[in-house]
Amino acid sequence: MNEVARLNTSVVIVTKDRPENLKNLLKSLIKQSLRPDEVIVVDNNSSKSYEFVFNEFKNCLPLRIFIETTPGIPTARNRGVQEAVGDIILFTDDDCEADTFWVENMVKPFYQNPYIGVVGGEIFSSKKTGSLVEEFCISETLMQMGNNGRNNDH
């Protein structure tokens, strides 16, 4: 039986002026069931210092830090892709916290099917204001997601 070569993973994070948020995200990346091979942080020309965050995590995660002076998330993400060396590139935002199995679950499909090119996952908010509009949007989104893949010809 042929053993499948291990695919390396790069996590790309774009941030700007939110060091505390980034700190929370990096804490969640330490707890991954499958640790990423590199974590690329692209600072989109922040005015706030991230030094204390980078110092806290430099020995816990394989951090690589880049400054992108051209404003905008697309440009900063593209910079992250250019710098990444992983076979699989995962994106997350600085205001997210990754579930413990996030990296593992995002990588699995690439091993299961060699024709997979892109994988996405669900995003859940940890903060709810409870407004009627927000509740409707959440319910509507969940209903649409639940109908995906179902045969509605009946």
C-alpha atoms as a PDB file:
ATOM      1  CA  MET A   1       0.000   0.000   0.000  1.00  0.00           C
ATOM      2  CA  ASN A   2       1.358   3.401  -0.950  1.00  0.00           C
ATOM      3  CA  GLU A   3       1.759   5.821   1.882  1.00  0.00           C
ATOM      4  CA  VAL A   4       0.482   9.305   1.089  1.00  0.00           C
ATOM      5  CA  ALA A   5       3.030  12.078   1.513  1.00  0.00           C
ATOM      6  CA  ARG A   6       2.227  14.534   4.280  1.00  0.00           C
ATOM      7  CA  LEU A   7       0.945  17.871   3.050  1.00  0.00           C
ATOM      8  CA  ASN A   8       2.387  20.945   4.739  1.00  0.00           C
ATOM      9  CA  THR A   9      -0.016  23.632   5.913  1.00  0.00           C
ATOM     10  CA  SER A  10       0.385  27.391   6.031  1.00  0.00           C
ATOM     11  CA  VAL A  11      -2.076  29.536   7.958  1.00  0.00           C
ATOM     12  CA  VAL A  12      -2.294  33.089   6.625  1.00  0.00           C
ATOM     13  CA  ILE A  13      -3.682  35.821   8.878  1.00  0.00           C
ATOM     14  CA  VAL A  14      -4.157  39.442   7.875  1.00  0.00           C
ATOM     15  CA  THR A  15      -4.285  41.963  10.688  1.00  0.00           C
ATOM     16  CA  LYS A  16      -4.404  45.692  11.199  1.00  0.00           C
ATOM     17  CA  ASP A  17      -4.430  47.474  14.548  1.00  0.00           C
ATOM     18  CA  ARG A  18      -5.937  44.551  16.488  1.00  0.00           C
ATOM     19  CA  PRO A  19      -3.132  42.933  18.500  1.00  0.00           C
ATOM     20  CA  GLU A  20      -5.475  41.612  21.231  1.00  0.00           C
ATOM     21  CA  ASN A  21      -7.642  39.875  18.647  1.00  0.00           C
ATOM     22  CA  LEU A  22      -4.593  38.341  17.013  1.00  0.00           C
ATOM     23  CA  LYS A  23      -3.409  37.137  20.410  1.00  0.00           C
ATOM     24  CA  ASN A  24      -6.691  35.242  20.937  1.00  0.00           C
ATOM     25  CA  LEU A  25      -6.458  33.667  17.489  1.00  0.00           C
ATOM     26  CA  LEU A  26      -2.866  32.550  18.051  1.00  0.00           C
ATOM     27  CA  LYS A  27      -3.892  30.985  21.379  1.00  0.00           C
ATOM     28  CA  SER A  28      -6.427  28.888  19.487  1.00  0.00           C
ATOM     29  CA  LEU A  29      -3.812  27.827  16.923  1.00  0.00           C
ATOM     30  CA  ILE A  30      -1.593  26.459  19.702  1.00  0.00           C
ATOM     31  CA  LYS A  31      -4.415  24.074  20.677  1.00  0.00           C
ATOM     32  CA  GLN A  32      -4.838  22.551  17.211  1.00  0.00           C
ATOM     33  CA  SER A  33      -5.086  18.776  16.944  1.00  0.00           C
ATOM     34  CA  LEU A  34      -2.905  19.147  13.822  1.00  0.00           C
ATOM     35  CA  ARG A  35      -0.479  22.023  14.188  1.00  0.00           C
ATOM     36  CA  PRO A  36       0.192  24.154  11.109  1.00  0.00           C
ATOM     37  CA  ASP A  37       3.683  24.031   9.652  1.00  0.00           C
ATOM     38  CA  GLU A  38       3.820  27.800   9.486  1.00  0.00           C
ATOM     39  CA  VAL A  39       1.702  30.722  10.618  1.00  0.00           C
ATOM     40  CA  ILE A  40       2.085  33.773   8.432  1.00  0.00           C
ATOM     41  CA  VAL A  41       0.932  37.061   9.904  1.00  0.00           C
ATOM     42  CA  VAL A  42       0.601  39.884   7.412  1.00  0.00           C
ATOM     43  CA  ASP A  43       0.399  43.214   9.202  1.00  0.00           C
ATOM     44  CA  ASN A  44      -1.395  45.616   6.874  1.00  0.00           C
ATOM     45  CA  ASN A  45       0.644  48.620   8.059  1.00  0.00           C
ATOM     46  CA  SER A  46      -0.725  48.907  11.597  1.00  0.00           C
ATOM     47  CA  SER A  47      -0.200  51.918  13.781  1.00  0.00           C
ATOM     48  CA  LYS A  48      -0.342  49.693  16.893  1.00  0.00           C
ATOM     49  CA  SER A  49       2.546  47.513  18.010  1.00  0.00           C
ATOM     50  CA  TYR A  50       2.288  43.726  17.834  1.00  0.00           C
ATOM     51  CA  GLU A  51       5.681  43.143  19.432  1.00  0.00           C
ATOM     52  CA  PHE A  52       4.235  41.800  22.715  1.00  0.00           C
ATOM     53  CA  VAL A  53       2.052  39.330  20.793  1.00  0.00           C
ATOM     54  CA  PHE A  54       4.879  38.093  18.590  1.00  0.00           C
ATOM     55  CA  ASN A  55       7.180  37.741  21.583  1.00  0.00           C
ATOM     56  CA  GLU A  56       4.590  35.673  23.435  1.00  0.00           C
ATOM     57  CA  PHE A  57       4.077  33.212  20.584  1.00  0.00           C
ATOM     58  CA  LYS A  58       7.454  33.098  18.808  1.00  0.00           C
ATOM     59  CA  ASN A  59       8.488  29.919  20.654  1.00  0.00           C
ATOM     60  CA  CYS A  60       5.038  28.273  20.509  1.00  0.00           C
ATOM     61  CA  LEU A  61       4.180  28.639  16.839  1.00  0.00           C
ATOM     62  CA  PRO A  62       6.202  28.710  13.612  1.00  0.00           C
ATOM     63  CA  LEU A  63       5.499  32.409  13.095  1.00  0.00           C
ATOM     64  CA  ARG A  64       6.570  34.376  10.057  1.00  0.00           C
ATOM     65  CA  ILE A  65       5.699  38.066  10.094  1.00  0.00           C
ATOM     66  CA  PHE A  66       5.449  40.423   7.128  1.00  0.00           C
ATOM     67  CA  ILE A  67       4.447  44.059   6.756  1.00  0.00           C
ATOM     68  CA  GLU A  68       2.302  44.927   3.725  1.00  0.00           C
ATOM     69  CA  THR A  69       2.142  48.675   3.243  1.00  0.00           C
ATOM     70  CA  THR A  70      -0.394  48.637   0.402  1.00  0.00           C
ATOM     71  CA  PRO A  71      -3.784  48.955   2.085  1.00  0.00           C
ATOM     72  CA  GLY A  72      -6.502  46.340   1.698  1.00  0.00           C
ATOM     73  CA  ILE A  73      -7.260  42.783   2.731  1.00  0.00           C
ATOM     74  CA  PRO A  74      -6.904  41.308  -0.799  1.00  0.00           C
ATOM     75  CA  THR A  75      -3.396  42.738  -1.208  1.00  0.00           C
ATOM     76  CA  ALA A  76      -2.379  41.559   2.260  1.00  0.00           C
ATOM     77  CA  ARG A  77      -3.781  38.049   1.647  1.00  0.00           C
ATOM     78  CA  ASN A  78      -1.959  37.878  -1.677  1.00  0.00           C
ATOM     79  CA  ARG A  79       1.247  38.796   0.152  1.00  0.00           C
ATOM     80  CA  GLY A  80       0.590  35.922   2.541  1.00  0.00           C
ATOM     81  CA  VAL A  81       0.137  33.520  -0.385  1.00  0.00           C
ATOM     82  CA  GLN A  82       3.385  34.738  -1.962  1.00  0.00           C
ATOM     83  CA  GLU A  83       5.278  34.110   1.270  1.00  0.00           C
ATOM     84  CA  ALA A  84       3.645  30.755   2.118  1.00  0.00           C
ATOM     85  CA  VAL A  85       5.574  27.540   1.524  1.00  0.00           C
ATOM     86  CA  GLY A  86       2.826  25.090   2.496  1.00  0.00           C
ATOM     87  CA  ASP A  87       1.079  22.706   0.109  1.00  0.00           C
ATOM     88  CA  ILE A  88      -2.213  23.872   1.625  1.00  0.00           C
ATOM     89  CA  ILE A  89      -2.898  27.488   2.525  1.00  0.00           C
ATOM     90  CA  LEU A  90      -5.558  28.196   5.132  1.00  0.00           C
ATOM     91  CA  PHE A  91      -6.967  31.669   5.689  1.00  0.00           C
ATOM     92  CA  THR A  92      -8.497  33.061   8.833  1.00  0.00           C
ATOM     93  CA  ASP A  93      -9.106  36.537  10.173  1.00  0.00           C
ATOM     94  CA  ASP A  94      -7.503  38.132  13.196  1.00  0.00           C
ATOM     95  CA  ASP A  95     -10.856  38.396  14.974  1.00  0.00           C
ATOM     96  CA  CYS A  96     -11.535  34.651  14.730  1.00  0.00           C
ATOM     97  CA  GLU A  97     -10.724  31.798  17.080  1.00  0.00           C
ATOM     98  CA  ALA A  98     -10.093  28.435  15.470  1.00  0.00           C
ATOM     99  CA  ASP A  99     -11.856  25.324  16.700  1.00  0.00           C
ATOM    100  CA  THR A 100      -9.412  22.723  18.049  1.00  0.00           C
ATOM    101  CA  PHE A 101      -9.892  20.545  14.947  1.00  0.00           C
ATOM    102  CA  TRP A 102      -9.937  23.370  12.381  1.00  0.00           C
ATOM    103  CA  VAL A 103      -6.607  22.654  10.667  1.00  0.00           C
ATOM    104  CA  GLU A 104      -7.175  18.890  10.756  1.00  0.00           C
ATOM    105  CA  ASN A 105     -10.681  19.192   9.290  1.00  0.00           C
ATOM    106  CA  MET A 106      -9.605  21.618   6.588  1.00  0.00           C
ATOM    107  CA  VAL A 107      -6.774  19.329   5.488  1.00  0.00           C
ATOM    108  CA  LYS A 108      -8.701  16.011   5.469  1.00  0.00           C
ATOM    109  CA  PRO A 109     -10.454  16.490   2.104  1.00  0.00           C
ATOM    110  CA  PHE A 110      -7.119  16.973   0.329  1.00  0.00           C
ATOM    111  CA  TYR A 111      -6.077  13.478   1.437  1.00  0.00           C
ATOM    112  CA  GLN A 112      -9.454  11.951   0.581  1.00  0.00           C
ATOM    113  CA  ASN A 113      -9.644  13.250  -2.986  1.00  0.00           C
ATOM    114  CA  PRO A 114      -6.666  14.356  -5.097  1.00  0.00           C
ATOM    115  CA  TYR A 115      -8.968  16.542  -7.221  1.00  0.00           C
ATOM    116  CA  ILE A 116      -9.956  18.810  -4.335  1.00  0.00           C
ATOM    117  CA  GLY A 117      -8.744  22.352  -4.926  1.00  0.00           C
ATOM    118  CA  VAL A 118     -10.609  24.446  -2.366  1.00  0.00           C
ATOM    119  CA  VAL A 119     -12.247  23.711   0.980  1.00  0.00           C
ATOM    120  CA  GLY A 120     -14.410  25.963   3.140  1.00  0.00           C
ATOM    121  CA  GLY A 121     -16.017  25.621   6.504  1.00  0.00           C
ATOM    122  CA  GLU A 122     -18.696  27.050   8.714  1.00  0.00           C
ATOM    123  CA  ILE A 123     -18.119  30.230  10.666  1.00  0.00           C
ATOM    124  CA  PHE A 124     -19.873  30.728  13.968  1.00  0.00           C
ATOM    125  CA  SER A 125     -20.071  33.964  15.890  1.00  0.00           C
ATOM    126  CA  SER A 126     -19.154  33.770  19.550  1.00  0.00           C
ATOM    127  CA  LYS A 127     -20.922  37.077  20.156  1.00  0.00           C
ATOM    128  CA  LYS A 128     -24.628  37.544  19.581  1.00  0.00           C
ATOM    129  CA  THR A 129     -26.451  40.752  20.206  1.00  0.00           C
ATOM    130  CA  GLY A 130     -29.796  38.971  19.955  1.00  0.00           C
ATOM    131  CA  SER A 131     -31.442  41.518  17.660  1.00  0.00           C
ATOM    132  CA  LEU A 132     -34.442  40.341  15.646  1.00  0.00           C
ATOM    133  CA  VAL A 133     -32.625  41.067  12.372  1.00  0.00           C
ATOM    134  CA  GLU A 134     -29.556  39.124  13.486  1.00  0.00           C
ATOM    135  CA  GLU A 135     -31.651  36.155  14.618  1.00  0.00           C
ATOM    136  CA  PHE A 136     -33.475  36.118  11.269  1.00  0.00           C
ATOM    137  CA  CYS A 137     -30.208  36.233   9.316  1.00  0.00           C
ATOM    138  CA  ILE A 138     -28.733  33.395  11.357  1.00  0.00           C
ATOM    139  CA  SER A 139     -31.875  31.261  10.957  1.00  0.00           C
ATOM    140  CA  GLU A 140     -32.109  31.970   7.231  1.00  0.00           C
ATOM    141  CA  THR A 141     -28.443  31.105   6.694  1.00  0.00           C
ATOM    142  CA  LEU A 142     -28.744  27.864   8.639  1.00  0.00           C
ATOM    143  CA  MET A 143     -31.866  26.864   6.702  1.00  0.00           C
ATOM    144  CA  GLN A 144     -30.121  27.531   3.397  1.00  0.00           C
ATOM    145  CA  MET A 145     -27.099  25.543   4.513  1.00  0.00           C
ATOM    146  CA  GLY A 146     -29.355  22.694   5.598  1.00  0.00           C
ATOM    147  CA  ASN A 147     -30.980  22.593   2.167  1.00  0.00           C
ATOM    148  CA  ASN A 148     -27.670  22.381   0.322  1.00  0.00           C
ATOM    149  CA  GLY A 149     -27.201  18.985  -1.219  1.00  0.00           C
ATOM    150  CA  ARG A 150     -30.790  17.894  -0.625  1.00  0.00           C
ATOM    151  CA  ASN A 151     -33.049  16.877  -3.449  1.00  0.00           C
ATOM    152  CA  ASN A 152     -35.958  19.327  -3.369  1.00  0.00           C
ATOM    153  CA  ASP A 153     -37.842  17.845  -6.357  1.00  0.00           C
ATOM    154  CA  HIS A 154     -40.646  16.449  -4.187  1.00  0.00           C
END
